[in-house]
């Protein structure tokens, strides 16, 4: 089994052509969230679910600034503040299965109940630090 992180993106990457979620109707948002819950429930049943979480739109950019308080600002964000709406970690038998599940999740409904075909970033979770040849 291998773990993969699926990052959900909502803004404008082609071919997705829908408005941001904050412009959806409440019913469209509820339908999208229910799709996500149902998808996670199926993965729980198959033993492939690890974890998931939606992210709030607000956030801060923090870095060490020497002694005292770290520097905190509202940006710049590495495009994540506007793009990453949530994540899910899955534990699957193969990369092919991870791609299959990401494709299914990409079809979550959006405005008008139509699939949004969002881009998902699929990344393996490291199990040990990388080795570097000397």
N, C-alpha and C. Protein backbone atom coordinates (compact mmCIF):
# COMPACT_ATOMS: atom_id res chain seq x y z
N UNK A 1 0.85 -1.18 0.00
CA UNK A 1 0.00 0.00 0.00
C UNK A 1 0.89 1.24 0.00
N UNK A 2 0.45 2.26 -0.68
CA UNK A 2 1.16 3.54 -0.73
C UNK A 2 0.16 4.66 -0.48
N UNK A 3 0.60 5.66 0.26
CA UNK A 3 -0.27 6.79 0.56
C UNK A 3 -0.03 7.90 -0.45
N UNK A 4 -1.13 8.55 -0.83
CA UNK A 4 -1.09 9.68 -1.76
C UNK A 4 -1.93 10.81 -1.19
N UNK A 5 -1.46 12.02 -1.43
CA UNK A 5 -2.18 13.23 -1.07
C UNK A 5 -2.85 13.77 -2.32
N UNK A 6 -4.16 14.03 -2.23
CA UNK A 6 -4.88 14.67 -3.32
C UNK A 6 -5.24 16.07 -2.85
N UNK A 7 -4.67 17.09 -3.49
CA UNK A 7 -4.97 18.48 -3.17
C UNK A 7 -6.06 18.96 -4.12
N UNK A 8 -7.13 19.49 -3.57
CA UNK A 8 -8.25 19.98 -4.38
C UNK A 8 -8.02 21.43 -4.77
N UNK A 9 -8.09 21.69 -6.07
CA UNK A 9 -7.92 23.04 -6.61
C UNK A 9 -9.24 23.50 -7.20
N UNK A 10 -9.58 24.76 -6.99
CA UNK A 10 -10.86 25.26 -7.47
C UNK A 10 -10.80 26.44 -8.42
N UNK A 11 -9.65 26.94 -8.76
CA UNK A 11 -9.67 28.18 -9.54
C UNK A 11 -9.06 28.02 -10.92
N UNK A 12 -9.90 27.96 -11.92
CA UNK A 12 -9.58 28.26 -13.28
C UNK A 12 -8.59 27.44 -14.07
N UNK A 13 -8.04 26.38 -13.56
CA UNK A 13 -7.10 25.61 -14.38
C UNK A 13 -7.87 24.93 -15.49
N UNK A 14 -7.41 25.03 -16.74
CA UNK A 14 -8.16 24.41 -17.84
C UNK A 14 -8.20 22.90 -17.67
N UNK A 15 -9.23 22.21 -18.09
CA UNK A 15 -10.38 22.72 -18.81
C UNK A 15 -11.51 23.18 -17.90
N UNK A 16 -11.31 23.19 -16.58
CA UNK A 16 -12.38 23.58 -15.67
C UNK A 16 -12.83 24.99 -15.98
N UNK A 17 -14.11 25.16 -16.13
CA UNK A 17 -14.65 26.47 -16.46
C UNK A 17 -15.85 26.73 -15.57
N UNK A 18 -15.58 27.03 -14.30
CA UNK A 18 -16.68 27.37 -13.42
C UNK A 18 -16.21 28.46 -12.46
N UNK A 19 -17.17 29.16 -11.91
CA UNK A 19 -16.85 30.24 -10.99
C UNK A 19 -16.37 29.67 -9.67
N UNK A 20 -15.63 30.45 -8.86
CA UNK A 20 -15.18 29.97 -7.55
C UNK A 20 -16.38 29.60 -6.66
N UNK A 21 -16.13 28.70 -5.71
CA UNK A 21 -17.19 28.18 -4.87
C UNK A 21 -17.94 29.27 -4.10
N UNK A 22 -17.28 30.38 -3.78
CA UNK A 22 -17.98 31.43 -3.03
C UNK A 22 -19.05 32.12 -3.87
N UNK A 23 -19.15 31.74 -5.14
CA UNK A 23 -20.19 32.28 -6.02
C UNK A 23 -21.25 31.23 -6.35
N UNK A 24 -21.16 30.04 -5.76
CA UNK A 24 -22.15 29.00 -5.98
C UNK A 24 -23.35 29.26 -5.08
N UNK A 25 -24.48 28.64 -5.42
CA UNK A 25 -25.65 28.72 -4.55
C UNK A 25 -25.42 27.80 -3.34
N UNK A 26 -26.14 28.04 -2.25
CA UNK A 26 -26.01 27.14 -1.10
C UNK A 26 -26.31 25.68 -1.45
N UNK A 27 -27.30 25.45 -2.32
CA UNK A 27 -27.61 24.07 -2.71
C UNK A 27 -26.47 23.44 -3.50
N UNK A 28 -25.79 24.22 -4.35
CA UNK A 28 -24.67 23.70 -5.11
C UNK A 28 -23.50 23.35 -4.19
N UNK A 29 -23.27 24.17 -3.19
CA UNK A 29 -22.20 23.89 -2.22
C UNK A 29 -22.54 22.62 -1.44
N UNK A 30 -23.80 22.51 -0.98
CA UNK A 30 -24.21 21.31 -0.23
C UNK A 30 -24.05 20.05 -1.08
N UNK A 31 -24.44 20.11 -2.35
CA UNK A 31 -24.32 18.94 -3.23
C UNK A 31 -22.86 18.55 -3.42
N UNK A 32 -21.99 19.54 -3.56
CA UNK A 32 -20.56 19.27 -3.72
C UNK A 32 -20.00 18.61 -2.46
N UNK A 33 -20.34 19.16 -1.31
CA UNK A 33 -19.85 18.60 -0.04
C UNK A 33 -20.39 17.20 0.18
N UNK A 34 -21.66 16.97 -0.18
CA UNK A 34 -22.22 15.62 -0.04
C UNK A 34 -21.50 14.63 -0.94
N UNK A 35 -21.15 15.05 -2.16
CA UNK A 35 -20.37 14.19 -3.06
C UNK A 35 -19.06 13.81 -2.39
N UNK A 36 -18.39 14.79 -1.78
CA UNK A 36 -17.12 14.53 -1.09
C UNK A 36 -17.31 13.53 0.05
N UNK A 37 -18.37 13.72 0.83
CA UNK A 37 -18.64 12.80 1.95
C UNK A 37 -18.92 11.39 1.44
N UNK A 38 -19.73 11.28 0.40
CA UNK A 38 -20.06 9.97 -0.16
C UNK A 38 -18.80 9.30 -0.73
N UNK A 39 -17.95 10.09 -1.39
CA UNK A 39 -16.70 9.56 -1.93
C UNK A 39 -15.82 9.03 -0.80
N UNK A 40 -15.68 9.82 0.27
CA UNK A 40 -14.87 9.38 1.42
C UNK A 40 -15.46 8.13 2.05
N UNK A 41 -16.79 8.05 2.16
CA UNK A 41 -17.44 6.86 2.74
C UNK A 41 -17.12 5.60 1.92
N UNK A 42 -17.12 5.74 0.58
CA UNK A 42 -16.78 4.58 -0.26
C UNK A 42 -15.34 4.15 -0.02
N UNK A 43 -14.44 5.13 0.18
CA UNK A 43 -13.04 4.78 0.44
C UNK A 43 -12.87 4.17 1.83
N UNK A 44 -13.65 4.59 2.79
CA UNK A 44 -13.63 3.95 4.11
C UNK A 44 -14.03 2.49 3.96
N UNK A 45 -15.11 2.25 3.20
CA UNK A 45 -15.58 0.88 3.00
C UNK A 45 -14.55 0.00 2.29
N UNK A 46 -13.78 0.58 1.37
CA UNK A 46 -12.78 -0.20 0.63
C UNK A 46 -11.44 -0.28 1.36
N UNK A 47 -11.32 0.45 2.49
CA UNK A 47 -10.08 0.44 3.25
C UNK A 47 -9.01 1.36 2.69
N UNK A 48 -9.38 2.27 1.78
CA UNK A 48 -8.40 3.14 1.12
C UNK A 48 -8.38 4.55 1.69
N UNK A 49 -9.26 4.86 2.61
CA UNK A 49 -9.34 6.21 3.18
C UNK A 49 -8.37 6.37 4.34
N UNK A 50 -7.66 7.48 4.38
CA UNK A 50 -6.79 7.81 5.51
C UNK A 50 -7.32 9.03 6.23
N UNK A 51 -7.47 10.14 5.51
CA UNK A 51 -7.87 11.39 6.15
C UNK A 51 -8.28 12.40 5.10
N UNK A 52 -9.06 13.41 5.50
CA UNK A 52 -9.41 14.50 4.61
C UNK A 52 -9.77 15.71 5.44
N UNK A 53 -9.69 16.87 4.81
CA UNK A 53 -10.07 18.09 5.50
C UNK A 53 -10.27 19.20 4.48
N UNK A 54 -11.33 19.97 4.65
CA UNK A 54 -11.52 21.18 3.86
C UNK A 54 -10.73 22.30 4.55
N UNK A 55 -10.32 23.27 3.76
CA UNK A 55 -9.55 24.39 4.31
C UNK A 55 -10.34 25.68 4.21
N UNK A 56 -10.25 26.51 5.24
CA UNK A 56 -10.87 27.83 5.23
C UNK A 56 -10.08 28.74 4.29
N UNK A 57 -10.72 29.74 3.71
CA UNK A 57 -10.01 30.60 2.76
C UNK A 57 -8.98 31.53 3.41
N UNK A 58 -9.15 31.85 4.67
CA UNK A 58 -8.18 32.75 5.30
C UNK A 58 -6.94 31.99 5.75
N UNK A 59 -5.85 32.70 5.89
CA UNK A 59 -4.61 32.09 6.32
C UNK A 59 -3.55 33.16 6.49
N UNK A 60 -2.36 32.76 6.84
CA UNK A 60 -1.27 33.70 7.04
C UNK A 60 0.02 33.10 6.48
N UNK A 61 0.92 33.94 6.12
CA UNK A 61 2.25 33.57 5.61
C UNK A 61 3.21 33.84 6.76
N UNK A 62 3.90 32.81 7.25
CA UNK A 62 4.73 32.93 8.45
C UNK A 62 6.13 32.44 8.14
N UNK A 63 7.13 33.15 8.69
CA UNK A 63 8.50 32.67 8.57
C UNK A 63 9.30 33.16 9.76
N UNK A 64 10.35 32.46 10.06
CA UNK A 64 11.23 32.83 11.15
C UNK A 64 11.89 34.16 10.82
N UNK A 65 11.87 35.08 11.78
CA UNK A 65 12.45 36.40 11.54
C UNK A 65 13.50 36.75 12.57
N UNK A 66 14.10 35.75 13.20
CA UNK A 66 15.08 36.02 14.24
C UNK A 66 14.43 35.94 15.61
N UNK A 67 15.10 36.49 16.59
CA UNK A 67 14.57 36.47 17.96
C UNK A 67 13.25 37.22 18.04
N UNK A 68 12.36 36.75 18.89
CA UNK A 68 11.07 37.41 19.05
C UNK A 68 10.00 36.75 18.20
N UNK A 69 9.00 37.52 17.86
CA UNK A 69 7.86 36.99 17.11
C UNK A 69 8.24 36.70 15.66
N UNK A 70 7.72 35.61 15.09
CA UNK A 70 7.94 35.37 13.66
C UNK A 70 7.18 36.41 12.83
N UNK A 71 7.69 36.69 11.66
CA UNK A 71 6.99 37.59 10.74
C UNK A 71 5.73 36.92 10.24
N UNK A 72 4.60 37.64 10.23
CA UNK A 72 3.33 37.13 9.76
C UNK A 72 2.74 38.15 8.81
N UNK A 73 2.29 37.69 7.65
CA UNK A 73 1.68 38.58 6.67
C UNK A 73 0.55 37.85 5.96
N UNK A 74 -0.26 38.56 5.21
CA UNK A 74 -1.36 37.96 4.46
C UNK A 74 -0.90 37.50 3.08
N UNK A 75 0.36 37.45 2.84
CA UNK A 75 0.86 36.97 1.56
C UNK A 75 2.29 37.43 1.40
N UNK A 76 2.96 37.08 0.36
CA UNK A 76 2.37 36.34 -0.76
C UNK A 76 2.21 34.87 -0.43
N UNK A 77 1.15 34.29 -0.90
CA UNK A 77 0.97 32.86 -0.78
C UNK A 77 1.49 32.21 -2.04
N UNK A 78 1.98 31.04 -1.91
CA UNK A 78 2.50 30.30 -3.07
C UNK A 78 1.33 29.74 -3.86
N UNK A 79 0.41 30.61 -4.23
CA UNK A 79 -0.81 30.29 -4.96
C UNK A 79 -1.77 29.40 -4.19
N UNK A 80 -1.41 28.96 -3.00
CA UNK A 80 -2.27 28.02 -2.29
C UNK A 80 -3.48 28.66 -1.67
N UNK A 81 -3.41 29.92 -1.24
CA UNK A 81 -4.54 30.54 -0.57
C UNK A 81 -5.76 30.55 -1.49
N UNK A 82 -5.57 30.87 -2.75
CA UNK A 82 -6.68 30.93 -3.68
C UNK A 82 -7.01 29.60 -4.33
N UNK A 83 -6.07 28.69 -4.32
CA UNK A 83 -6.26 27.45 -5.06
C UNK A 83 -6.63 26.25 -4.23
N UNK A 84 -5.95 26.02 -3.14
CA UNK A 84 -6.15 24.76 -2.42
C UNK A 84 -7.31 24.90 -1.44
N UNK A 85 -8.34 24.14 -1.71
CA UNK A 85 -9.56 24.21 -0.91
C UNK A 85 -9.64 23.07 0.10
N UNK A 86 -8.84 22.05 -0.05
CA UNK A 86 -8.88 20.92 0.86
C UNK A 86 -7.97 19.82 0.36
N UNK A 87 -7.92 18.75 1.14
CA UNK A 87 -7.05 17.64 0.79
C UNK A 87 -7.65 16.34 1.29
N UNK A 88 -7.19 15.26 0.68
CA UNK A 88 -7.57 13.91 1.11
C UNK A 88 -6.33 13.04 0.96
N UNK A 89 -6.12 12.20 1.94
CA UNK A 89 -5.03 11.22 1.86
C UNK A 89 -5.66 9.85 1.70
N UNK A 90 -5.14 9.13 0.72
CA UNK A 90 -5.63 7.78 0.44
C UNK A 90 -4.47 6.80 0.59
N UNK A 91 -4.79 5.55 0.82
CA UNK A 91 -3.79 4.49 0.94
C UNK A 91 -4.22 3.38 -0.02
N UNK A 92 -3.51 3.27 -1.13
CA UNK A 92 -3.94 2.40 -2.22
C UNK A 92 -2.84 1.43 -2.62
N UNK A 93 -3.20 0.44 -3.42
CA UNK A 93 -2.26 -0.58 -3.86
C UNK A 93 -1.28 -0.11 -4.92
N UNK A 94 -1.67 0.93 -5.68
CA UNK A 94 -0.81 1.32 -6.80
C UNK A 94 -1.04 2.77 -7.18
N UNK A 95 -0.08 3.30 -7.92
CA UNK A 95 -0.21 4.64 -8.48
C UNK A 95 -1.42 4.70 -9.42
N UNK A 96 -1.63 3.63 -10.18
CA UNK A 96 -2.76 3.59 -11.11
C UNK A 96 -4.08 3.75 -10.36
N UNK A 97 -4.20 3.11 -9.21
CA UNK A 97 -5.43 3.25 -8.41
C UNK A 97 -5.57 4.67 -7.88
N UNK A 98 -4.47 5.29 -7.47
CA UNK A 98 -4.51 6.67 -6.99
C UNK A 98 -4.99 7.60 -8.11
N UNK A 99 -4.50 7.39 -9.33
CA UNK A 99 -4.92 8.20 -10.47
C UNK A 99 -6.41 7.97 -10.75
N UNK A 100 -6.84 6.72 -10.67
CA UNK A 100 -8.25 6.41 -10.90
C UNK A 100 -9.15 7.15 -9.90
N UNK A 101 -8.78 7.11 -8.62
CA UNK A 101 -9.59 7.78 -7.60
C UNK A 101 -9.56 9.30 -7.76
N UNK A 102 -8.40 9.85 -8.09
CA UNK A 102 -8.31 11.30 -8.31
C UNK A 102 -9.21 11.70 -9.48
N UNK A 103 -9.26 10.89 -10.51
CA UNK A 103 -10.14 11.17 -11.64
C UNK A 103 -11.60 11.16 -11.24
N UNK A 104 -11.98 10.22 -10.38
CA UNK A 104 -13.37 10.18 -9.90
C UNK A 104 -13.69 11.41 -9.07
N UNK A 105 -12.77 11.80 -8.20
CA UNK A 105 -12.99 12.96 -7.34
C UNK A 105 -13.07 14.24 -8.16
N UNK A 106 -12.37 14.29 -9.27
CA UNK A 106 -12.38 15.45 -10.16
C UNK A 106 -13.77 15.76 -10.71
N UNK A 107 -14.64 14.79 -10.72
CA UNK A 107 -15.98 14.95 -11.28
C UNK A 107 -17.00 15.42 -10.25
N UNK A 108 -16.57 15.96 -9.12
CA UNK A 108 -17.50 16.49 -8.12
C UNK A 108 -18.39 17.55 -8.76
N UNK A 109 -19.66 17.63 -8.33
CA UNK A 109 -20.57 18.59 -8.96
C UNK A 109 -20.26 20.02 -8.54
N UNK A 110 -20.58 20.93 -9.44
CA UNK A 110 -20.43 22.36 -9.19
C UNK A 110 -21.70 23.08 -9.57
N UNK A 111 -21.57 24.28 -10.13
CA UNK A 111 -22.76 25.05 -10.52
C UNK A 111 -23.66 24.27 -11.46
N UNK A 112 -24.94 24.30 -11.17
CA UNK A 112 -25.91 23.58 -12.00
C UNK A 112 -25.86 22.08 -11.85
N UNK A 113 -25.07 21.58 -10.88
CA UNK A 113 -24.95 20.15 -10.67
C UNK A 113 -24.05 19.44 -11.67
N UNK A 114 -23.42 20.22 -12.55
CA UNK A 114 -22.53 19.62 -13.56
C UNK A 114 -21.17 19.33 -12.95
N UNK A 115 -20.52 18.24 -13.35
CA UNK A 115 -19.17 17.95 -12.85
C UNK A 115 -18.23 19.10 -13.18
N UNK A 116 -17.37 19.46 -12.22
CA UNK A 116 -16.46 20.58 -12.47
C UNK A 116 -15.14 20.15 -13.08
N UNK A 117 -14.85 18.85 -13.06
CA UNK A 117 -13.61 18.35 -13.64
C UNK A 117 -12.41 19.16 -13.16
N UNK A 118 -12.38 19.38 -11.85
CA UNK A 118 -11.28 20.15 -11.26
C UNK A 118 -9.97 19.40 -11.37
N UNK A 119 -8.89 20.15 -11.38
CA UNK A 119 -7.56 19.55 -11.31
C UNK A 119 -7.28 19.17 -9.88
N UNK A 120 -6.76 17.99 -9.67
CA UNK A 120 -6.30 17.56 -8.35
C UNK A 120 -4.81 17.31 -8.45
N UNK A 121 -4.10 17.82 -7.49
CA UNK A 121 -2.67 17.54 -7.43
C UNK A 121 -2.50 16.23 -6.67
N UNK A 122 -1.87 15.26 -7.28
CA UNK A 122 -1.68 13.94 -6.68
C UNK A 122 -0.20 13.77 -6.36
N UNK A 123 0.10 13.60 -5.07
CA UNK A 123 1.50 13.49 -4.66
C UNK A 123 1.67 12.33 -3.70
N UNK A 124 2.70 11.51 -3.90
CA UNK A 124 2.95 10.42 -2.95
C UNK A 124 3.41 11.00 -1.61
N UNK A 125 3.03 10.34 -0.55
CA UNK A 125 3.48 10.70 0.80
C UNK A 125 4.80 9.98 1.03
N UNK A 126 5.82 10.73 1.43
CA UNK A 126 7.14 10.11 1.66
C UNK A 126 7.07 9.21 2.89
N UNK A 127 7.69 8.06 2.77
CA UNK A 127 7.75 7.15 3.91
C UNK A 127 9.10 7.22 4.61
N UNK A 128 10.11 7.71 3.91
CA UNK A 128 11.43 7.90 4.49
C UNK A 128 12.14 9.00 3.72
N UNK A 129 13.11 9.62 4.33
CA UNK A 129 13.81 10.72 3.63
C UNK A 129 14.48 10.22 2.35
N UNK A 130 14.59 11.11 1.35
CA UNK A 130 15.25 10.69 0.12
C UNK A 130 16.73 10.43 0.38
N UNK A 131 17.29 9.52 -0.39
CA UNK A 131 18.73 9.26 -0.28
C UNK A 131 19.44 9.97 -1.43
N UNK A 132 20.59 10.51 -1.14
CA UNK A 132 21.36 11.22 -2.15
C UNK A 132 22.69 10.53 -2.32
N UNK A 133 23.04 10.22 -3.56
CA UNK A 133 24.31 9.58 -3.84
C UNK A 133 25.44 10.61 -3.70
N UNK A 134 26.54 10.18 -3.13
CA UNK A 134 27.66 11.10 -2.95
C UNK A 134 28.59 11.06 -4.12
